[in-house]
Amino acid sequence: MVLDDEELFVRFVAERADALLRYGYVLTGNPHDAADLTQEALVRLHRAWPRVRRKEQPESYARMTMARLHVSTWRRRRREVLAWDPPDAEHLDPLPSEAERGMWQMLAGLPRKQRAVLVLRYYEDLTDVEIARVLGVSHGTVRSHASLALARLRTTIAHPTAVDGSAQ
C-alpha cells in the first residue's frame, strides 16, 4: 500500500507532535506558547511537506522553523503574559517541578535569541556552527549570545533575589 503525501503528513504529526510540543516548551517556557509555536511550525511544514519529505528531514525542518519563529519579530511583539497554571483540561505532558520552575523562570528572563542559543546548545546538543545555521546568524553571534546568556544566568543564580525581588 502506497501512502500519499497527506497520509504521510498525518502519520508524521501523530508520531512526532508530542516531541515537537516538548521542544516548543523548552524554547518558550510555558505550555500555551509551546502549543502555538508547534501549531505554526506544523502549518508551515504542511505547506512544504512534499519537498521536505523527499529530503527525509521533516522533524529537522519543524524544529528549525520553531527556533526561527521563536526569535522572530512576530513573537517579540506579543505582549500577552501567561501564568504557570495549567489549563482546566487534562494535560499529558508534566509541567516542571517546583525546583525546575526557578531555572525555567531564569531562562524566560533571557532575551529570545540568547535563550534559543542555550536551548539549541544544551537541549538539542547542536554545535555552534549548527546553531548559527538554524538561526541564520554568524558563528560569532552564537558564541556571543551564549556567553552573555550564561553570564546572566550565573549572576542570577548567585543573586537569586534579583529574580523574584523578595529581598530589599
N, C-alpha and C. Protein backbone atom coordinates (compact mmCIF):
# COMPACT_ATOMS: atom_id res chain seq x y z
N MET A 1 0.85 -1.18 0.00
CA MET A 1 0.00 0.00 0.00
C MET A 1 0.89 1.24 0.00
N VAL A 2 0.68 2.11 -0.95
CA VAL A 2 1.45 3.34 -1.07
C VAL A 2 0.63 4.48 -0.46
N LEU A 3 1.26 5.21 0.47
CA LEU A 3 0.58 6.32 1.12
C LEU A 3 0.85 7.61 0.34
N ASP A 4 -0.20 8.45 0.22
CA ASP A 4 0.02 9.73 -0.44
C ASP A 4 0.61 10.73 0.56
N ASP A 5 0.98 11.91 0.07
CA ASP A 5 1.63 12.92 0.91
C ASP A 5 0.79 13.29 2.12
N GLU A 6 -0.51 13.46 1.93
CA GLU A 6 -1.38 13.87 3.04
C GLU A 6 -1.39 12.81 4.14
N GLU A 7 -1.49 11.55 3.76
CA GLU A 7 -1.49 10.47 4.76
C GLU A 7 -0.15 10.38 5.48
N LEU A 8 0.94 10.61 4.76
CA LEU A 8 2.26 10.60 5.39
C LEU A 8 2.42 11.75 6.37
N PHE A 9 1.87 12.91 6.01
CA PHE A 9 1.94 14.06 6.92
C PHE A 9 1.13 13.78 8.18
N VAL A 10 -0.06 13.25 8.03
CA VAL A 10 -0.90 12.93 9.18
C VAL A 10 -0.19 11.91 10.08
N ARG A 11 0.44 10.94 9.50
CA ARG A 11 1.17 9.94 10.27
C ARG A 11 2.35 10.57 11.02
N PHE A 12 3.08 11.47 10.34
CA PHE A 12 4.21 12.17 10.97
C PHE A 12 3.71 12.97 12.18
N VAL A 13 2.64 13.72 12.01
CA VAL A 13 2.11 14.53 13.11
C VAL A 13 1.68 13.64 14.28
N ALA A 14 1.04 12.54 13.98
CA ALA A 14 0.60 11.63 15.05
C ALA A 14 1.80 11.08 15.83
N GLU A 15 2.88 10.80 15.13
CA GLU A 15 4.05 10.21 15.78
C GLU A 15 4.94 11.23 16.47
N ARG A 16 5.06 12.44 15.95
CA ARG A 16 6.09 13.39 16.44
C ARG A 16 5.54 14.66 17.09
N ALA A 17 4.23 14.87 17.10
CA ALA A 17 3.67 16.11 17.64
C ALA A 17 4.02 16.30 19.12
N ASP A 18 3.95 15.25 19.92
CA ASP A 18 4.27 15.38 21.35
C ASP A 18 5.73 15.79 21.55
N ALA A 19 6.64 15.22 20.80
CA ALA A 19 8.05 15.58 20.91
C ALA A 19 8.26 17.03 20.49
N LEU A 20 7.58 17.46 19.44
CA LEU A 20 7.69 18.85 19.00
C LEU A 20 7.09 19.80 20.03
N LEU A 21 6.01 19.39 20.67
CA LEU A 21 5.41 20.21 21.72
C LEU A 21 6.36 20.36 22.90
N ARG A 22 7.03 19.29 23.28
CA ARG A 22 8.03 19.37 24.36
C ARG A 22 9.17 20.30 23.97
N TYR A 23 9.62 20.22 22.73
CA TYR A 23 10.66 21.11 22.23
C TYR A 23 10.19 22.56 22.29
N GLY A 24 8.95 22.79 21.90
CA GLY A 24 8.38 24.13 21.98
C GLY A 24 8.33 24.63 23.42
N TYR A 25 8.05 23.73 24.35
CA TYR A 25 8.01 24.11 25.76
C TYR A 25 9.39 24.52 26.24
N VAL A 26 10.40 23.81 25.82
CA VAL A 26 11.77 24.16 26.20
C VAL A 26 12.14 25.53 25.63
N LEU A 27 11.72 25.81 24.42
CA LEU A 27 12.02 27.11 23.81
C LEU A 27 11.26 28.25 24.49
N THR A 28 9.98 28.05 24.75
CA THR A 28 9.13 29.16 25.20
C THR A 28 8.99 29.26 26.70
N GLY A 29 9.04 28.15 27.40
CA GLY A 29 8.90 28.19 28.85
C GLY A 29 7.49 28.08 29.36
N ASN A 30 6.49 28.00 28.51
CA ASN A 30 5.13 27.76 29.01
C ASN A 30 4.33 26.97 27.98
N PRO A 31 3.35 26.22 28.44
CA PRO A 31 2.63 25.30 27.55
C PRO A 31 1.79 26.00 26.49
N HIS A 32 1.30 27.19 26.78
CA HIS A 32 0.45 27.89 25.83
C HIS A 32 1.25 28.35 24.60
N ASP A 33 2.38 29.00 24.85
CA ASP A 33 3.22 29.44 23.73
C ASP A 33 3.81 28.24 23.00
N ALA A 34 4.11 27.17 23.73
CA ALA A 34 4.63 25.96 23.10
C ALA A 34 3.62 25.39 22.11
N ALA A 35 2.35 25.37 22.50
CA ALA A 35 1.31 24.86 21.61
C ALA A 35 1.17 25.75 20.38
N ASP A 36 1.21 27.08 20.57
CA ASP A 36 1.12 28.00 19.43
C ASP A 36 2.30 27.81 18.48
N LEU A 37 3.49 27.70 19.06
CA LEU A 37 4.70 27.56 18.26
C LEU A 37 4.67 26.25 17.47
N THR A 38 4.26 25.17 18.12
CA THR A 38 4.18 23.86 17.46
C THR A 38 3.16 23.89 16.33
N GLN A 39 2.01 24.48 16.61
CA GLN A 39 0.97 24.55 15.60
C GLN A 39 1.43 25.34 14.37
N GLU A 40 2.04 26.49 14.59
CA GLU A 40 2.51 27.30 13.46
C GLU A 40 3.59 26.55 12.66
N ALA A 41 4.48 25.86 13.36
CA ALA A 41 5.53 25.10 12.67
C ALA A 41 4.92 23.97 11.84
N LEU A 42 3.90 23.31 12.36
CA LEU A 42 3.27 22.22 11.61
C LEU A 42 2.50 22.76 10.40
N VAL A 43 1.91 23.94 10.53
CA VAL A 43 1.24 24.55 9.38
C VAL A 43 2.26 24.81 8.27
N ARG A 44 3.40 25.37 8.65
CA ARG A 44 4.44 25.66 7.66
C ARG A 44 5.04 24.37 7.08
N LEU A 45 5.19 23.36 7.94
CA LEU A 45 5.69 22.07 7.45
C LEU A 45 4.71 21.47 6.45
N HIS A 46 3.42 21.59 6.72
CA HIS A 46 2.41 21.04 5.80
C HIS A 46 2.53 21.68 4.42
N ARG A 47 2.76 23.00 4.39
CA ARG A 47 2.91 23.70 3.11
C ARG A 47 4.13 23.20 2.34
N ALA A 48 5.19 22.85 3.07
CA ALA A 48 6.43 22.42 2.41
C ALA A 48 6.58 20.90 2.40
N TRP A 49 5.57 20.19 2.81
CA TRP A 49 5.69 18.75 3.03
C TRP A 49 6.25 17.95 1.85
N PRO A 50 5.75 18.10 0.63
CA PRO A 50 6.29 17.26 -0.46
C PRO A 50 7.80 17.42 -0.63
N ARG A 51 8.29 18.65 -0.54
CA ARG A 51 9.72 18.91 -0.70
C ARG A 51 10.51 18.39 0.49
N VAL A 52 10.02 18.65 1.70
CA VAL A 52 10.73 18.25 2.92
C VAL A 52 10.74 16.73 3.07
N ARG A 53 9.62 16.09 2.76
CA ARG A 53 9.53 14.64 2.89
C ARG A 53 10.51 13.93 1.97
N ARG A 54 10.69 14.45 0.77
CA ARG A 54 11.63 13.84 -0.17
C ARG A 54 13.06 13.87 0.37
N LYS A 55 13.37 14.91 1.13
CA LYS A 55 14.70 15.01 1.73
C LYS A 55 14.81 14.22 3.03
N GLU A 56 13.69 13.64 3.46
CA GLU A 56 13.61 12.84 4.68
C GLU A 56 14.08 13.60 5.91
N GLN A 57 13.70 14.89 6.01
CA GLN A 57 14.08 15.73 7.13
C GLN A 57 12.90 16.48 7.73
N PRO A 58 11.71 15.90 7.85
CA PRO A 58 10.58 16.70 8.33
C PRO A 58 10.73 17.18 9.77
N GLU A 59 11.29 16.37 10.65
CA GLU A 59 11.43 16.83 12.03
C GLU A 59 12.48 17.92 12.16
N SER A 60 13.56 17.80 11.44
CA SER A 60 14.58 18.85 11.45
C SER A 60 14.01 20.16 10.93
N TYR A 61 13.23 20.08 9.88
CA TYR A 61 12.59 21.26 9.31
C TYR A 61 11.66 21.89 10.34
N ALA A 62 10.86 21.07 11.02
CA ALA A 62 9.92 21.59 12.01
C ALA A 62 10.66 22.24 13.18
N ARG A 63 11.71 21.62 13.66
CA ARG A 63 12.48 22.19 14.78
C ARG A 63 13.18 23.49 14.37
N MET A 64 13.72 23.53 13.18
CA MET A 64 14.36 24.76 12.71
C MET A 64 13.32 25.86 12.58
N THR A 65 12.17 25.52 12.05
CA THR A 65 11.09 26.50 11.92
C THR A 65 10.68 27.02 13.30
N MET A 66 10.57 26.13 14.26
CA MET A 66 10.18 26.54 15.61
C MET A 66 11.21 27.48 16.23
N ALA A 67 12.48 27.17 16.06
CA ALA A 67 13.53 28.02 16.62
C ALA A 67 13.50 29.40 15.97
N ARG A 68 13.32 29.43 14.67
CA ARG A 68 13.28 30.72 13.97
C ARG A 68 12.03 31.51 14.33
N LEU A 69 10.90 30.83 14.43
CA LEU A 69 9.68 31.53 14.83
C LEU A 69 9.82 32.11 16.23
N HIS A 70 10.47 31.36 17.09
CA HIS A 70 10.62 31.79 18.48
C HIS A 70 11.37 33.12 18.58
N VAL A 71 12.35 33.32 17.75
CA VAL A 71 13.13 34.55 17.84
C VAL A 71 12.65 35.62 16.85
N SER A 72 11.61 35.35 16.11
CA SER A 72 11.15 36.31 15.10
C SER A 72 10.49 37.52 15.74
N THR A 73 10.35 38.54 14.96
CA THR A 73 9.74 39.77 15.47
C THR A 73 8.27 39.56 15.81
N TRP A 74 7.60 38.65 15.12
CA TRP A 74 6.19 38.39 15.45
C TRP A 74 6.07 37.93 16.89
N ARG A 75 6.96 37.05 17.33
CA ARG A 75 6.90 36.54 18.69
C ARG A 75 7.33 37.63 19.69
N ARG A 76 8.25 38.51 19.30
CA ARG A 76 8.71 39.56 20.21
C ARG A 76 7.63 40.59 20.47
N ARG A 77 6.80 40.84 19.49
CA ARG A 77 5.75 41.84 19.66
C ARG A 77 4.61 41.37 20.54
N ARG A 78 4.57 40.12 20.81
CA ARG A 78 3.49 39.57 21.60
C ARG A 78 3.57 40.09 23.02
N ARG A 79 2.51 40.64 23.53
CA ARG A 79 2.53 41.27 24.85
C ARG A 79 1.82 40.44 25.91
N GLU A 80 1.19 39.38 25.52
CA GLU A 80 0.45 38.55 26.45
C GLU A 80 1.42 37.82 27.39
N VAL A 81 1.12 37.86 28.69
CA VAL A 81 1.91 37.13 29.67
C VAL A 81 1.01 36.07 30.28
N LEU A 82 1.42 34.83 30.18
CA LEU A 82 0.59 33.73 30.65
C LEU A 82 1.10 33.19 31.98
N ALA A 83 0.19 32.67 32.77
CA ALA A 83 0.53 32.13 34.09
C ALA A 83 1.02 30.69 33.96
N TRP A 84 1.65 30.20 35.02
CA TRP A 84 2.14 28.83 35.05
C TRP A 84 1.02 27.82 35.24
N ASP A 85 -0.13 28.26 35.69
CA ASP A 85 -1.22 27.34 35.99
C ASP A 85 -1.64 26.59 34.73
N PRO A 86 -1.78 25.28 34.83
CA PRO A 86 -2.18 24.51 33.64
C PRO A 86 -3.65 24.80 33.30
N PRO A 87 -4.05 24.54 32.06
CA PRO A 87 -5.45 24.74 31.68
C PRO A 87 -6.36 23.76 32.42
N ASP A 88 -7.64 24.05 32.40
CA ASP A 88 -8.61 23.20 33.09
C ASP A 88 -8.67 21.80 32.49
N ALA A 89 -8.40 21.68 31.22
CA ALA A 89 -8.44 20.36 30.56
C ALA A 89 -7.21 19.55 30.96
N GLU A 90 -7.33 18.24 30.83
CA GLU A 90 -6.23 17.34 31.17
C GLU A 90 -5.03 17.59 30.25
N HIS A 91 -3.86 17.55 30.83
CA HIS A 91 -2.62 17.79 30.08
C HIS A 91 -1.70 16.61 30.33
N LEU A 92 -1.26 15.93 29.28
CA LEU A 92 -0.49 14.71 29.45
C LEU A 92 0.99 14.94 29.74
N ASP A 93 1.57 16.02 29.20
CA ASP A 93 2.98 16.30 29.46
C ASP A 93 3.11 16.96 30.82
N PRO A 94 3.98 16.43 31.69
CA PRO A 94 4.12 17.02 33.02
C PRO A 94 4.80 18.38 32.94
N LEU A 95 4.31 19.30 33.78
CA LEU A 95 4.94 20.61 33.89
C LEU A 95 6.16 20.46 34.78
N PRO A 96 7.07 21.41 34.74
CA PRO A 96 8.28 21.30 35.56
C PRO A 96 7.95 21.27 37.05
N SER A 97 8.81 20.60 37.80
CA SER A 97 8.63 20.56 39.25
C SER A 97 8.92 21.94 39.82
N GLU A 98 8.62 22.13 41.09
CA GLU A 98 8.90 23.40 41.75
C GLU A 98 10.37 23.77 41.63
N ALA A 99 11.24 22.78 41.81
CA ALA A 99 12.68 23.05 41.74
C ALA A 99 13.10 23.50 40.34
N GLU A 100 12.46 22.93 39.30
CA GLU A 100 12.81 23.29 37.93
C GLU A 100 12.24 24.64 37.51
N ARG A 101 11.15 25.05 38.14
CA ARG A 101 10.50 26.31 37.73
C ARG A 101 11.42 27.50 37.88
N GLY A 102 12.25 27.51 38.90
CA GLY A 102 13.18 28.62 39.07
C GLY A 102 14.11 28.75 37.88
N MET A 103 14.63 27.63 37.40
CA MET A 103 15.51 27.67 36.23
C MET A 103 14.74 28.11 34.99
N TRP A 104 13.52 27.60 34.82
CA TRP A 104 12.71 27.99 33.67
C TRP A 104 12.44 29.49 33.71
N GLN A 105 12.17 30.02 34.89
CA GLN A 105 11.90 31.46 35.01
C GLN A 105 13.15 32.27 34.69
N MET A 106 14.31 31.78 35.12
CA MET A 106 15.55 32.48 34.78
C MET A 106 15.78 32.46 33.27
N LEU A 107 15.53 31.29 32.65
CA LEU A 107 15.66 31.20 31.19
C LEU A 107 14.66 32.14 30.50
N ALA A 108 13.45 32.22 31.05
CA ALA A 108 12.43 33.09 30.45
C ALA A 108 12.85 34.55 30.52
N GLY A 109 13.69 34.90 31.47
CA GLY A 109 14.15 36.27 31.61
C GLY A 109 15.22 36.66 30.61
N LEU A 110 15.74 35.70 29.88
CA LEU A 110 16.77 35.99 28.88
C LEU A 110 16.13 36.52 27.60
N PRO A 111 16.85 37.33 26.85
CA PRO A 111 16.35 37.72 25.53
C PRO A 111 16.15 36.46 24.67
N ARG A 112 15.23 36.52 23.74
CA ARG A 112 14.83 35.34 22.95
C ARG A 112 15.99 34.67 22.22
N LYS A 113 16.87 35.44 21.61
CA LYS A 113 17.97 34.82 20.86
C LYS A 113 18.93 34.13 21.81
N GLN A 114 19.20 34.73 22.97
CA GLN A 114 20.09 34.09 23.93
C GLN A 114 19.47 32.79 24.43
N ARG A 115 18.19 32.83 24.72
CA ARG A 115 17.50 31.63 25.19
C ARG A 115 17.52 30.55 24.10
N ALA A 116 17.25 30.94 22.86
CA ALA A 116 17.24 29.97 21.77
C ALA A 116 18.61 29.33 21.61
N VAL A 117 19.67 30.11 21.74
CA VAL A 117 21.03 29.57 21.61
C VAL A 117 21.27 28.53 22.71
N LEU A 118 20.88 28.84 23.95
CA LEU A 118 21.10 27.88 25.04
C LEU A 118 20.27 26.61 24.84
N VAL A 119 19.04 26.76 24.40
CA VAL A 119 18.18 25.58 24.17
C VAL A 119 18.77 24.71 23.07
N LEU A 120 19.20 25.35 21.97
CA LEU A 120 19.76 24.58 20.88
C LEU A 120 21.08 23.92 21.28
N ARG A 121 21.85 24.59 22.11
CA ARG A 121 23.15 24.04 22.52
C ARG A 121 22.98 22.92 23.54
N TYR A 122 22.18 23.14 24.58
CA TYR A 122 22.12 22.18 25.68
C TYR A 122 20.95 21.20 25.60
N TYR A 123 19.86 21.57 24.95
CA TYR A 123 18.72 20.66 24.82
C TYR A 123 18.83 19.85 23.53
N GLU A 124 19.16 20.53 22.44
CA GLU A 124 19.30 19.86 21.15
C GLU A 124 20.70 19.33 20.92
N ASP A 125 21.66 19.75 21.72
CA ASP A 125 23.05 19.31 21.63
C ASP A 125 23.65 19.63 20.26
N LEU A 126 23.36 20.84 19.76
CA LEU A 126 23.91 21.27 18.48
C LEU A 126 25.23 22.00 18.70
N THR A 127 26.08 21.98 17.70
CA THR A 127 27.32 22.73 17.75
C THR A 127 27.02 24.19 17.43
N ASP A 128 27.99 25.06 17.69
CA ASP A 128 27.79 26.48 17.40
C ASP A 128 27.55 26.71 15.91
N VAL A 129 28.23 25.96 15.07
CA VAL A 129 28.05 26.09 13.62
C VAL A 129 26.62 25.70 13.24
N GLU A 130 26.12 24.61 13.81
CA GLU A 130 24.75 24.17 13.52
C GLU A 130 23.73 25.18 14.03
N ILE A 131 23.97 25.74 15.21
CA ILE A 131 23.07 26.74 15.78
C ILE A 131 23.04 27.97 14.87
N ALA A 132 24.21 28.40 14.40
CA ALA A 132 24.29 29.55 13.51
C ALA A 132 23.46 29.31 12.25
N ARG A 133 23.53 28.09 11.72
CA ARG A 133 22.77 27.76 10.51
C ARG A 133 21.26 27.77 10.81
N VAL A 134 20.86 27.21 11.94
CA VAL A 134 19.44 27.15 12.30
C VAL A 134 18.87 28.55 12.48
N LEU A 135 19.60 29.41 13.19
CA LEU A 135 19.10 30.75 13.49
C LEU A 135 19.40 31.77 12.40
N GLY A 136 20.22 31.39 11.44
CA GLY A 136 20.55 32.31 10.36
C GLY A 136 21.43 33.47 10.81
N VAL A 137 22.35 33.19 11.74
CA VAL A 137 23.28 34.21 12.24
C VAL A 137 24.70 33.68 12.10
N SER A 138 25.68 34.52 12.42
CA SER A 138 27.07 34.09 12.30
C SER A 138 27.48 33.24 13.51
N HIS A 139 28.57 32.50 13.33
CA HIS A 139 29.14 31.67 14.39
C HIS A 139 29.51 32.55 15.59
N GLY A 140 30.08 33.72 15.33
CA GLY A 140 30.46 34.64 16.40
C GLY A 140 29.26 35.15 17.18
N THR A 141 28.15 35.37 16.49
CA THR A 141 26.93 35.82 17.16
C THR A 141 26.42 34.74 18.10
N VAL A 142 26.49 33.50 17.68
CA VAL A 142 26.08 32.39 18.54
C VAL A 142 26.93 32.37 19.80
N ARG A 143 28.23 32.46 19.65
CA ARG A 143 29.13 32.42 20.80
C ARG A 143 28.89 33.62 21.72
N SER A 144 28.64 34.77 21.14
CA SER A 144 28.36 35.97 21.92
C SER A 144 27.07 35.82 22.73
N HIS A 145 26.00 35.34 22.06
CA HIS A 145 24.72 35.14 22.76
C HIS A 145 24.86 34.11 23.88
N ALA A 146 25.59 33.04 23.61
CA ALA A 146 25.78 32.01 24.63
C ALA A 146 26.55 32.56 25.82
N SER A 147 27.58 33.30 25.56
CA SER A 147 28.40 33.88 26.63
C SER A 147 27.59 34.85 27.48
N LEU A 148 26.85 35.73 26.82
CA LEU A 148 26.03 36.70 27.55
C LEU A 148 24.93 36.01 28.37
N ALA A 149 24.30 35.00 27.78
CA ALA A 149 23.22 34.29 28.48
C ALA A 149 23.76 33.54 29.69
N LEU A 150 24.86 32.85 29.53
CA LEU A 150 25.43 32.10 30.65
C LEU A 150 25.90 33.04 31.76
N ALA A 151 26.49 34.18 31.38
CA ALA A 151 26.92 35.16 32.39
C ALA A 151 25.71 35.69 33.17
N ARG A 152 24.64 35.96 32.45
CA ARG A 152 23.44 36.46 33.13
C ARG A 152 22.85 35.40 34.05
N LEU A 153 22.81 34.14 33.60
CA LEU A 153 22.30 33.06 34.45
C LEU A 153 23.17 32.89 35.69
N ARG A 154 24.48 32.96 35.51
CA ARG A 154 25.38 32.83 36.66
C ARG A 154 25.13 33.94 37.67
N THR A 155 24.95 35.15 37.19
CA THR A 155 24.67 36.28 38.07
C THR A 155 23.34 36.08 38.78
N THR A 156 22.34 35.63 38.06
CA THR A 156 21.02 35.41 38.64
C THR A 156 21.05 34.31 39.68
N ILE A 157 21.79 33.24 39.40
CA ILE A 157 21.89 32.14 40.36
C ILE A 157 22.66 32.58 41.60
N ALA A 158 23.70 33.39 41.40
CA ALA A 158 24.48 33.89 42.54
C ALA A 158 23.69 34.87 43.38
N HIS A 159 22.76 35.59 42.76
CA HIS A 159 21.93 36.59 43.46
C HIS A 159 20.47 36.32 43.15
N PRO A 160 19.88 35.25 43.71
CA PRO A 160 18.52 34.84 43.35
C PRO A 160 17.46 35.89 43.67
N THR A 161 17.73 36.79 44.61
CA THR A 161 16.73 37.81 44.94
C THR A 161 16.54 38.80 43.81
N ALA A 162 17.50 38.86 42.90
CA ALA A 162 17.37 39.75 41.75
C ALA A 162 16.24 39.30 40.83
N VAL A 163 15.89 38.00 40.86
CA VAL A 163 14.82 37.49 40.01
C VAL A 163 13.47 37.71 40.62
N ASP A 164 13.31 37.31 41.89
CA ASP A 164 11.98 37.40 42.50
C ASP A 164 11.74 38.71 43.21
N GLY A 165 12.79 39.48 43.47
CA GLY A 165 12.62 40.79 44.08
C GLY A 165 12.11 40.74 45.52
N SER A 166 12.20 39.59 46.17
CA SER A 166 11.64 39.46 47.52
C SER A 166 12.47 40.12 48.58
N ALA A 167 13.78 40.25 48.36
CA ALA A 167 14.62 40.88 49.36
C ALA A 167 14.87 42.33 48.96
N GLN A 168 14.85 43.19 49.90
CA GLN A 168 15.07 44.61 49.64
C GLN A 168 16.42 45.03 50.10
